[in-house]
Amino acid sequence: MAIAIGAGFGIAIAAFGGAIGQSRGIASALDGIARNPAASGKIVTPMIIGLAMIESLVIYALLVSLLLVFKL
């Protein structure tokens, strides 16, 4: 029971942190595009790569939580 609660808290914290990181990254990218629309091509690609890296950390946390719950 305690492992399931810990896994739930772990994925909740990881999802919250990932959402905060992604929102800050997107906000910064949109701010940069608003200041210089000509640089949008140079901003969007690294932003998408960064978002994928942030999301991969959340997916890793989900996998660890599932491993804890199912005790694999």
Foldseek 3Di string as FASTA:
>chain_A
DVLLVVLVVQLVVLVVVLVVVLVVLVVVLVVVCVVPVVCNVVRVVVSVVVNVVSVVSSVVSNVVSVCSVVVD
